[in-house]
Amino acid sequence: MRRMFFFEIHDQSWFPVNLRNLVTDGLQSFWRLSNSYKPIVPRLRDALANAGTKVVLDLCSGGGGPWFQLVRDFEKENCKISVCLTDMYPNQQAFEKAASGSSLIDFDSRPVSAIEVPPDIPGFRTIFSSFHHFSPDDAQSILSSAVESGKGIAIFETARRNLKIMSIVCCLPFLILLLTPWIRPFRWSRLVLTYIIPIVPFVLWFDGLMSCLRSYSHQELSEMVGNLTDKSYYWQVGTQDDGFLPVTFLIGYPTTKAMLSSV
């Protein structure tokens, strides 16, 4: 199945901010419940150590992504890190909630593009479940930007172009119907737009399927790395498949022993 050039509704600039926040809140509740990215903690911990930093700059954070739980998982691994959440369309309330729940999480309230990261925000760059949003040219620019800035970068995706993952995605709207009463802060609009006018479940279903169809394969990620002119980076492309969902990853950081590894 080839990658398709569809769009996702909540990515669009015309999509109302309040609706976008409800959608990213729903995704955030799923990440907290499933903790799908927990298996990548040792791999990311090692990448941070090899890059010589414990500071993470999370791009395309949405409602905070998986970081609320991941910082705790890092602590269990005896690795204390700090994380700065950013997004092109920052969900201010979600960021404040994440930061209030952990002293290890902070955020930048400015709109931050993953392609043009402000030079005053330091850290090893991470992108969770969002790299597929970008066209091949923009995705290549994100990698080039990290390399040109001398920063490590790690990309993790659970979306895949296969029927098994797409079938699981189709269950997400039903899960959100169960989770919505416990999502905080409480909003009447969340209940109305979930149960009475089910816009939030529909967007999660539609965008989830589009995410799978737009996701990048190992080969496509390896080709992007191969197109980079700076060969002083170590790159890893592979799958972490010992969790709730398999996680496709691309990890790179500067090193004197540059190579590409597939796992």
Protein backbone atom coordinates (compact mmCIF):
# COMPACT_ATOMS: atom_id res chain seq x y z
CA MET A 1 0.00 0.00 0.00
CA ARG A 2 1.56 3.28 -1.12
CA ARG A 3 1.55 6.46 0.95
CA MET A 4 -1.39 8.68 0.00
CA PHE A 5 -1.54 12.47 -0.01
CA PHE A 6 -4.74 13.02 1.95
CA PHE A 7 -5.42 15.73 4.52
CA GLU A 8 -6.47 15.56 8.16
CA ILE A 9 -9.28 17.79 9.34
CA HIS A 10 -7.76 19.03 12.59
CA ASP A 11 -4.56 20.06 10.74
CA GLN A 12 -6.38 22.64 8.66
CA SER A 13 -6.06 26.33 9.49
CA TRP A 14 -9.82 26.77 8.94
CA PHE A 15 -10.69 24.20 11.61
CA PRO A 16 -11.94 26.10 14.72
CA VAL A 17 -9.42 26.28 17.54
CA ASN A 18 -11.92 25.13 20.17
CA LEU A 19 -12.80 22.06 18.12
CA ARG A 20 -9.13 21.31 17.50
CA ASN A 21 -8.48 21.43 21.23
CA LEU A 22 -11.33 18.98 21.88
CA VAL A 23 -9.83 16.58 19.34
CA THR A 24 -6.31 16.82 20.76
CA ASP A 25 -7.74 16.39 24.28
CA GLY A 26 -9.36 13.17 23.07
CA LEU A 27 -6.09 11.92 21.63
CA GLN A 28 -4.34 12.84 24.87
CA SER A 29 -6.80 10.72 26.87
CA PHE A 30 -6.03 7.78 24.58
CA TRP A 31 -2.26 8.18 25.08
CA ARG A 32 -2.71 8.22 28.83
CA LEU A 33 -4.87 5.10 28.80
CA SER A 34 -2.80 3.03 26.38
CA ASN A 35 0.70 4.31 27.19
CA SER A 36 1.53 3.09 23.68
CA TYR A 37 4.95 4.72 23.64
CA LYS A 38 6.29 3.27 26.89
CA PRO A 39 8.38 0.59 25.08
CA ILE A 40 10.49 3.26 23.34
CA VAL A 41 11.74 4.76 26.64
CA PRO A 42 15.03 2.76 26.78
CA ARG A 43 15.74 3.53 23.12
CA LEU A 44 15.10 7.26 23.55
CA ARG A 45 17.02 7.30 26.85
CA ASP A 46 20.07 5.87 25.07
CA ALA A 47 19.72 8.38 22.22
CA LEU A 48 19.63 11.28 24.69
CA ALA A 49 22.69 9.91 26.48
CA ASN A 50 24.58 9.56 23.20
CA ALA A 51 23.58 13.10 22.24
CA GLY A 52 24.80 14.34 25.63
CA THR A 53 21.57 15.98 26.79
CA LYS A 54 18.59 15.48 29.07
CA VAL A 55 16.58 18.31 27.56
CA VAL A 56 13.77 17.39 25.14
CA LEU A 57 12.02 19.74 22.75
CA ASP A 58 8.76 18.11 21.73
CA LEU A 59 7.34 19.36 18.44
CA CYS A 60 3.72 19.02 17.27
CA SER A 61 2.70 18.26 20.86
CA GLY A 62 -1.06 18.64 20.33
CA GLY A 63 -2.66 18.11 23.74
CA GLY A 64 0.66 17.13 25.30
CA GLY A 65 1.09 13.81 23.55
CA PRO A 66 2.40 10.89 25.62
CA TRP A 67 4.78 12.96 27.74
CA PHE A 68 2.72 13.16 30.93
CA GLN A 69 3.25 9.41 31.39
CA LEU A 70 6.63 9.15 29.65
CA VAL A 71 8.42 11.47 32.10
CA ARG A 72 7.33 9.10 34.87
CA ASP A 73 8.55 6.11 32.87
CA PHE A 74 11.90 7.84 32.42
CA GLU A 75 12.15 8.39 36.17
CA LYS A 76 11.55 4.66 36.71
CA GLU A 77 14.55 4.12 34.41
CA ASN A 78 16.60 6.40 36.73
CA CYS A 79 16.74 9.05 34.04
CA LYS A 80 15.41 12.49 34.88
CA ILE A 81 14.72 14.65 31.83
CA SER A 82 13.01 17.96 31.12
CA VAL A 83 10.50 18.40 28.31
CA CYS A 84 9.28 21.52 26.53
CA LEU A 85 5.97 21.10 24.66
CA THR A 86 5.37 23.10 21.47
CA ASP A 87 2.92 23.15 18.59
CA MET A 88 2.03 25.21 15.56
CA TYR A 89 -1.46 25.52 17.10
CA PRO A 90 -0.67 25.36 20.83
CA ASN A 91 -3.38 23.98 23.09
CA GLN A 92 -2.68 26.38 25.95
CA GLN A 93 -4.96 24.77 28.52
CA ALA A 94 -3.65 21.27 27.79
CA PHE A 95 -0.06 22.48 28.03
CA GLU A 96 -0.76 24.21 31.35
CA LYS A 97 -2.41 21.05 32.66
CA ALA A 98 0.57 18.91 31.65
CA ALA A 99 3.02 21.38 33.21
CA SER A 100 1.02 21.57 36.45
CA GLY A 101 1.09 17.77 36.69
CA SER A 102 4.87 17.47 36.48
CA SER A 103 7.76 19.77 37.32
CA LEU A 104 9.65 18.12 34.46
CA ILE A 105 7.27 19.44 31.78
CA ASP A 106 7.21 23.01 30.51
CA PHE A 107 5.86 24.57 27.32
CA ASP A 108 6.32 27.41 24.86
CA SER A 109 3.05 29.19 24.14
CA ARG A 110 4.23 30.59 20.79
CA PRO A 111 3.23 28.89 17.53
CA VAL A 112 6.28 26.74 16.77
CA SER A 113 6.84 25.17 13.36
CA ALA A 114 8.65 21.84 13.26
CA ILE A 115 10.28 23.01 10.03
CA GLU A 116 11.58 26.33 11.40
CA VAL A 117 12.26 25.82 15.09
CA PRO A 118 13.19 29.07 16.88
CA PRO A 119 16.90 28.96 17.73
CA ASP A 120 16.23 30.06 21.31
CA ILE A 121 14.46 26.77 22.17
CA PRO A 122 17.11 24.14 22.98
CA GLY A 123 16.79 20.39 23.23
CA PHE A 124 16.77 17.00 21.53
CA ARG A 125 13.78 17.16 19.19
CA THR A 126 10.95 14.62 19.33
CA ILE A 127 7.82 14.18 17.25
CA PHE A 128 5.11 11.73 18.31
CA SER A 129 2.34 10.63 15.94
CA SER A 130 2.68 13.74 13.77
CA PHE A 131 5.46 13.21 11.24
CA HIS A 132 2.98 11.80 8.71
CA HIS A 133 1.22 15.19 8.69
CA PHE A 134 4.06 16.59 6.62
CA SER A 135 4.64 16.21 2.90
CA PRO A 136 7.85 14.41 1.87
CA ASP A 137 9.55 17.75 1.16
CA ASP A 138 8.52 19.22 4.52
CA ALA A 139 9.43 16.01 6.35
CA GLN A 140 12.86 16.17 4.73
CA SER A 141 13.15 19.81 5.84
CA ILE A 142 12.40 18.83 9.45
CA LEU A 143 15.30 16.37 9.42
CA SER A 144 17.57 18.86 7.65
CA SER A 145 16.71 21.56 10.20
CA ALA A 146 17.72 19.30 13.08
CA VAL A 147 20.98 18.36 11.38
CA GLU A 148 21.84 21.96 10.47
CA SER A 149 21.21 22.96 14.09
CA GLY A 150 23.32 20.07 15.40
CA LYS A 151 20.35 18.66 17.34
CA GLY A 152 19.31 15.08 17.85
CA ILE A 153 15.86 14.11 16.61
CA ALA A 154 13.56 11.17 17.28
CA ILE A 155 10.33 10.46 15.41
CA PHE A 156 7.80 7.91 16.64
CA GLU A 157 4.61 6.79 14.91
CA THR A 158 1.95 4.19 15.72
CA ALA A 159 0.03 4.84 12.48
CA ARG A 160 0.78 2.32 9.74
CA ARG A 161 -0.46 1.47 6.29
CA ASN A 162 -1.87 -1.94 7.14
CA LEU A 163 -5.36 -3.29 7.78
CA LYS A 164 -4.69 -4.41 11.37
CA ILE A 165 -3.71 -0.94 12.58
CA MET A 166 -6.45 0.72 10.54
CA SER A 167 -9.01 -1.62 12.13
CA ILE A 168 -7.79 -0.62 15.60
CA VAL A 169 -8.07 3.05 14.63
CA CYS A 170 -11.73 2.49 13.73
CA CYS A 171 -12.35 1.59 17.38
CA LEU A 172 -10.99 4.91 18.64
CA PRO A 173 -14.30 6.86 18.36
CA PHE A 174 -16.05 4.25 20.53
CA LEU A 175 -13.26 4.47 23.10
CA ILE A 176 -13.59 8.27 23.16
CA LEU A 177 -17.31 7.89 23.90
CA LEU A 178 -16.31 6.02 27.06
CA LEU A 179 -13.46 8.36 28.05
CA THR A 180 -15.09 11.74 27.43
CA PRO A 181 -16.86 12.13 30.83
CA TRP A 182 -13.47 11.86 32.57
CA ILE A 183 -11.55 14.29 30.36
CA ARG A 184 -10.61 17.46 32.19
CA PRO A 185 -11.21 20.35 32.21
CA PHE A 186 -14.94 19.64 32.05
CA ARG A 187 -16.69 21.41 29.19
CA TRP A 188 -20.31 21.25 28.15
CA SER A 189 -19.16 21.77 24.56
CA ARG A 190 -17.16 18.54 24.82
CA LEU A 191 -20.29 16.60 25.74
CA VAL A 192 -22.42 18.27 23.07
CA LEU A 193 -19.85 17.78 20.29
CA THR A 194 -19.19 14.18 21.31
CA TYR A 195 -22.63 12.76 22.08
CA ILE A 196 -25.25 15.03 20.52
CA ILE A 197 -23.40 16.30 17.45
CA PRO A 198 -20.57 13.71 17.21
CA ILE A 199 -18.01 15.92 15.50
CA VAL A 200 -15.14 14.91 17.79
CA PRO A 201 -15.55 11.13 17.28
CA PHE A 202 -15.92 11.65 13.53
CA VAL A 203 -12.77 13.76 13.26
CA LEU A 204 -10.82 11.23 15.35
CA TRP A 205 -12.02 8.39 13.09
CA PHE A 206 -11.39 10.24 9.82
CA ASP A 207 -8.02 11.69 10.84
CA GLY A 208 -6.95 8.35 12.32
CA LEU A 209 -7.52 6.56 9.03
CA MET A 210 -5.83 9.35 7.09
CA SER A 211 -2.88 9.13 9.50
CA CYS A 212 -2.43 5.47 8.58
CA LEU A 213 -2.65 6.15 4.84
CA ARG A 214 -0.19 9.06 5.13
CA SER A 215 2.34 7.30 7.34
CA TYR A 216 5.92 6.72 6.14
CA SER A 217 7.43 3.25 5.73
CA HIS A 218 10.90 2.19 6.85
CA GLN A 219 12.13 2.48 3.29
CA GLU A 220 10.76 6.00 2.86
CA LEU A 221 12.32 7.13 6.15
CA SER A 222 15.66 5.58 5.16
CA GLU A 223 15.54 7.40 1.83
CA MET A 224 15.02 10.73 3.63
CA VAL A 225 18.06 10.05 5.78
CA GLY A 226 20.05 9.07 2.70
CA ASN A 227 19.24 12.42 1.09
CA LEU A 228 20.91 14.36 3.90
CA THR A 229 24.27 15.79 2.89
CA ASP A 230 25.71 15.86 6.42
CA LYS A 231 27.03 12.35 7.10
CA SER A 232 28.17 13.01 10.66
CA TYR A 233 24.93 11.65 12.17
CA TYR A 234 24.08 8.18 13.43
CA TRP A 235 20.61 7.10 12.28
CA GLN A 236 18.31 4.28 13.30
CA VAL A 237 15.14 3.25 11.49
CA GLY A 238 13.00 0.42 12.78
CA THR A 239 10.00 -0.84 14.72
CA GLN A 240 9.48 -1.30 18.44
CA ASP A 241 6.84 -4.02 18.55
CA ASP A 242 6.62 -5.10 22.20
CA GLY A 243 3.85 -2.71 23.28
CA PHE A 244 0.13 -2.11 22.80
CA LEU A 245 0.82 -0.96 19.23
CA PRO A 246 3.97 -1.34 17.11
CA VAL A 247 5.94 1.91 16.98
CA THR A 248 7.84 2.97 13.88
CA PHE A 249 10.86 5.08 14.80
CA LEU A 250 13.53 7.22 13.19
CA ILE A 251 16.28 8.40 15.54
CA GLY A 252 19.32 10.50 14.68
CA TYR A 253 22.03 12.35 16.58
CA PRO A 254 25.50 13.72 15.80
CA THR A 255 28.36 11.29 16.21
CA THR A 256 31.85 10.71 14.89
CA LYS A 257 30.79 7.18 13.90
CA ALA A 258 28.06 7.97 11.42
CA MET A 259 25.99 5.15 9.97
CA LEU A 260 22.43 4.03 9.24
CA SER A 261 21.03 1.14 11.26
CA SER A 262 17.79 -0.71 10.60
CA VAL A 263 16.08 -2.57 13.43
